[in-house]
């Protein structure tokens, strides 16, 4: 369930800026995202299912310019963001984005727009952030609330969080990483995320991070 819903988050982020310049309502942004993703998968699903590299490239090509990586990464790191160096912030942004891409990319292949119902928008589009509410129908017919949080920067709405039955993926990541950061240090956590996502980085920094983790 989580994998499926996060895949919707990624797909919505991928298309969220499509009509932002035309001042589209946040709910319209989500509704269009569902439709556009379905159209895209109709043409390439077999190829993307068989080739994970092609799948990642496909998602990255449309997601990267439209996902507010810095805003999401800052929310996930929380208080650790305030004490992180500029280098640590940039590395964490890249590692966190890559983690999302690799962890949930396959879920996009399971996407079915008929499962998603975008609810009438009740938020305030004049604020910096707003929430679009949806319902996702599960295999057993039950519907669960899935709410998407968007941020408006430079007159463009971008996705950065999703709440599944009131549970935020940002908060979950923050709790998961906070304990790891307290135990091993931020450099070690960044290094672990980079290794998991296959990101190459400076060997000297890796040795420093591993030494911190061993202490």
Protein backbone atom coordinates (compact mmCIF):
# COMPACT_ATOMS: atom_id res chain seq x y z
CA UNK A 1 0.00 0.00 0.00
CA UNK A 2 2.71 2.49 0.99
CA UNK A 3 4.73 1.64 -2.10
CA UNK A 4 1.72 2.19 -4.34
CA UNK A 5 0.78 5.51 -2.74
CA UNK A 6 4.34 6.87 -2.75
CA UNK A 7 4.49 5.98 -6.43
CA UNK A 8 1.45 8.21 -6.92
CA UNK A 9 3.27 10.96 -5.02
CA UNK A 10 6.22 10.63 -7.38
CA UNK A 11 4.00 10.62 -10.44
CA UNK A 12 2.13 13.69 -9.25
CA UNK A 13 5.41 15.46 -8.54
CA UNK A 14 6.52 14.53 -12.02
CA UNK A 15 3.63 16.38 -13.61
CA UNK A 16 2.76 18.90 -10.91
CA UNK A 17 4.23 21.88 -12.70
CA UNK A 18 2.56 21.22 -16.04
CA UNK A 19 0.01 24.03 -15.79
CA UNK A 20 1.29 25.84 -12.69
CA UNK A 21 2.15 28.95 -14.68
CA UNK A 22 -1.48 29.11 -15.76
CA UNK A 23 -2.49 29.29 -12.07
CA UNK A 24 -4.17 25.88 -12.11
CA UNK A 25 -5.87 24.98 -8.86
CA UNK A 26 -3.86 22.47 -6.80
CA UNK A 27 -6.58 19.83 -7.19
CA UNK A 28 -6.48 20.27 -10.97
CA UNK A 29 -2.74 19.71 -10.87
CA UNK A 30 -3.25 16.36 -9.14
CA UNK A 31 -6.14 15.30 -11.38
CA UNK A 32 -4.11 16.07 -14.50
CA UNK A 33 -1.12 14.20 -13.09
CA UNK A 34 -3.17 11.03 -12.72
CA UNK A 35 -4.37 11.26 -16.31
CA UNK A 36 -0.97 12.10 -17.81
CA UNK A 37 0.83 9.31 -16.00
CA UNK A 38 -1.67 6.76 -17.23
CA UNK A 39 -1.24 7.95 -20.82
CA UNK A 40 2.55 7.71 -20.53
CA UNK A 41 2.53 4.19 -19.14
CA UNK A 42 0.20 2.96 -21.87
CA UNK A 43 2.98 3.46 -24.42
CA UNK A 44 6.02 2.15 -22.50
CA UNK A 45 4.89 -0.13 -19.70
CA UNK A 46 6.40 -3.33 -21.15
CA UNK A 47 9.72 -1.64 -21.80
CA UNK A 48 9.85 0.01 -18.37
CA UNK A 49 8.87 -3.20 -16.61
CA UNK A 50 11.74 -5.08 -18.25
CA UNK A 51 14.37 -2.36 -17.87
CA UNK A 52 14.84 -0.73 -14.46
CA UNK A 53 17.44 1.70 -15.82
CA UNK A 54 14.96 2.91 -18.42
CA UNK A 55 12.30 3.23 -15.72
CA UNK A 56 14.56 5.35 -13.51
CA UNK A 57 15.59 7.49 -16.47
CA UNK A 58 11.96 7.96 -17.48
CA UNK A 59 10.93 9.08 -13.99
CA UNK A 60 14.00 11.22 -13.46
CA UNK A 61 13.51 13.05 -16.73
CA UNK A 62 10.12 14.36 -15.69
CA UNK A 63 10.45 14.39 -11.91
CA UNK A 64 13.73 16.20 -11.27
CA UNK A 65 12.73 19.63 -12.65
CA UNK A 66 9.39 19.57 -10.82
CA UNK A 67 10.15 18.17 -7.36
CA UNK A 68 11.22 20.71 -4.72
CA UNK A 69 14.12 18.60 -3.51
CA UNK A 70 15.50 21.21 -1.10
CA UNK A 71 12.14 21.84 0.57
CA UNK A 72 11.46 18.11 1.01
CA UNK A 73 15.00 17.33 2.17
CA UNK A 74 14.91 20.14 4.71
CA UNK A 75 11.60 18.87 6.07
CA UNK A 76 12.99 15.35 6.40
CA UNK A 77 16.20 16.41 8.17
CA UNK A 78 14.32 18.76 10.47
CA UNK A 79 16.58 20.24 13.14
CA UNK A 80 19.63 18.56 11.62
CA UNK A 81 19.17 20.74 8.52
CA UNK A 82 19.94 23.85 10.57
CA UNK A 83 23.32 22.55 11.69
CA UNK A 84 24.32 20.84 8.44
CA UNK A 85 27.03 22.36 6.28
CA UNK A 86 26.28 23.48 2.75
CA UNK A 87 28.10 20.41 1.42
CA UNK A 88 26.11 18.07 3.66
CA UNK A 89 22.86 19.68 2.56
CA UNK A 90 23.64 19.30 -1.13
CA UNK A 91 24.73 15.69 -0.70
CA UNK A 92 21.68 14.84 1.37
CA UNK A 93 19.33 16.43 -1.18
CA UNK A 94 20.80 14.28 -3.95
CA UNK A 95 20.90 11.12 -1.82
CA UNK A 96 17.34 11.52 -0.55
CA UNK A 97 15.98 12.11 -4.05
CA UNK A 98 17.85 9.07 -5.35
CA UNK A 99 16.53 7.00 -2.44
CA UNK A 100 12.95 7.87 -3.33
CA UNK A 101 13.60 7.09 -6.98
CA UNK A 102 15.13 3.67 -6.33
CA UNK A 103 12.86 2.61 -3.49
CA UNK A 104 9.52 3.41 -5.11
CA UNK A 105 10.06 3.52 -8.88
CA UNK A 106 8.68 0.03 -9.49
CA UNK A 107 5.44 1.02 -7.78
CA UNK A 108 4.64 3.38 -10.63
CA UNK A 109 4.21 0.35 -12.87
CA UNK A 110 1.26 -0.66 -10.68
CA UNK A 111 -0.44 2.71 -11.10
CA UNK A 112 -4.14 2.62 -11.97
CA UNK A 113 -5.94 5.94 -12.30
CA UNK A 114 -9.28 4.24 -11.67
CA UNK A 115 -8.19 3.72 -8.06
CA UNK A 116 -7.74 7.42 -7.37
CA UNK A 117 -10.54 9.84 -6.57
CA UNK A 118 -9.55 13.50 -6.26
CA UNK A 119 -11.81 15.18 -3.72
CA UNK A 120 -13.26 18.71 -4.11
CA UNK A 121 -10.56 21.19 -3.14
CA UNK A 122 -11.18 22.89 0.22
CA UNK A 123 -7.78 24.40 0.82
CA UNK A 124 -6.42 27.93 0.46
CA UNK A 125 -4.41 28.33 -2.73
CA UNK A 126 -3.20 31.77 -1.61
CA UNK A 127 -0.98 30.23 1.07
CA UNK A 128 2.52 28.94 0.56
CA UNK A 129 1.52 25.32 1.15
CA UNK A 130 -1.78 23.57 0.65
CA UNK A 131 -3.27 20.08 0.78
CA UNK A 132 -5.16 18.18 -1.92
CA UNK A 133 -7.23 15.28 -0.60
CA UNK A 134 -7.78 12.05 -2.50
CA UNK A 135 -9.05 8.56 -1.85
CA UNK A 136 -7.32 5.44 -3.09
CA UNK A 137 -9.30 2.26 -3.60
CA UNK A 138 -7.52 -0.89 -2.43
CA UNK A 139 -7.84 -4.37 -3.92
CA UNK A 140 -10.45 -5.30 -1.32
CA UNK A 141 -12.63 -2.32 -2.30
CA UNK A 142 -11.89 -0.23 0.79
CA UNK A 143 -10.91 3.40 0.27
CA UNK A 144 -8.17 5.11 2.26
CA UNK A 145 -7.53 8.86 2.53
CA UNK A 146 -4.34 10.00 0.81
CA UNK A 147 -3.55 13.70 1.08
CA UNK A 148 -0.87 15.49 -0.92
CA UNK A 149 0.95 18.58 0.30
CA UNK A 150 2.13 21.08 -2.29
CA UNK A 151 4.35 24.12 -1.90
CA UNK A 152 4.03 27.22 -4.09
CA UNK A 153 7.36 28.79 -4.95
CA UNK A 154 7.93 31.14 -7.86
CA UNK A 155 4.26 30.73 -8.83
CA UNK A 156 4.64 26.99 -9.33
CA UNK A 157 3.01 24.26 -7.26
CA UNK A 158 5.34 21.38 -6.47
CA UNK A 159 4.69 18.22 -4.49
CA UNK A 160 6.82 17.38 -1.46
CA UNK A 161 4.77 15.25 0.96
CA UNK A 162 1.97 12.69 1.17
CA UNK A 163 -0.08 11.60 4.17
CA UNK A 164 -1.55 8.08 4.12
CA UNK A 165 -4.38 7.81 6.62
CA UNK A 166 -2.85 10.77 8.46
CA UNK A 167 0.71 9.41 8.43
CA UNK A 168 3.24 11.60 6.61
CA UNK A 169 6.04 10.03 4.61
CA UNK A 170 8.20 13.06 5.49
CA UNK A 171 7.62 12.49 9.20
CA UNK A 172 8.34 8.77 8.82
CA UNK A 173 11.63 9.44 7.04
CA UNK A 174 12.51 12.09 9.64
CA UNK A 175 12.00 9.64 12.52
CA UNK A 176 13.88 6.89 10.72
CA UNK A 177 16.88 9.07 9.90
CA UNK A 178 16.92 11.03 13.17
CA UNK A 179 17.76 7.97 15.23
CA UNK A 180 20.40 6.94 12.70
CA UNK A 181 21.92 10.42 12.69
CA UNK A 182 22.04 10.47 16.48
CA UNK A 183 23.74 7.09 16.49
CA UNK A 184 26.17 7.43 13.57
CA UNK A 185 26.29 11.07 12.54
CA UNK A 186 24.94 12.89 9.49
CA UNK A 187 27.94 12.10 7.26
CA UNK A 188 27.53 8.38 7.88
CA UNK A 189 23.80 8.52 7.10
CA UNK A 190 24.40 10.43 3.89
CA UNK A 191 27.10 7.93 2.91
CA UNK A 192 24.72 5.02 3.54
CA UNK A 193 21.99 6.60 1.41
CA UNK A 194 24.48 7.27 -1.35
CA UNK A 195 25.72 3.68 -1.31
CA UNK A 196 22.17 2.32 -1.35
CA UNK A 197 21.32 4.52 -4.33
CA UNK A 198 24.59 3.85 -6.17
CA UNK A 199 25.87 7.42 -5.93
CA UNK A 200 29.64 7.79 -6.17
CA UNK A 201 31.40 10.37 -4.04
CA UNK A 202 34.77 11.38 -2.64
CA UNK A 203 36.64 8.47 -1.00
CA UNK A 204 38.21 10.70 1.65
CA UNK A 205 34.81 11.86 2.84
CA UNK A 206 33.59 8.25 2.93
CA UNK A 207 36.48 7.25 5.19
CA UNK A 208 35.68 10.13 7.55
CA UNK A 209 32.02 9.11 7.66
CA UNK A 210 32.88 5.47 8.37
CA UNK A 211 35.23 6.51 11.16
CA UNK A 212 32.43 8.58 12.71
CA UNK A 213 30.07 5.61 12.53
CA UNK A 214 32.60 3.36 14.30
CA UNK A 215 33.15 5.75 17.23
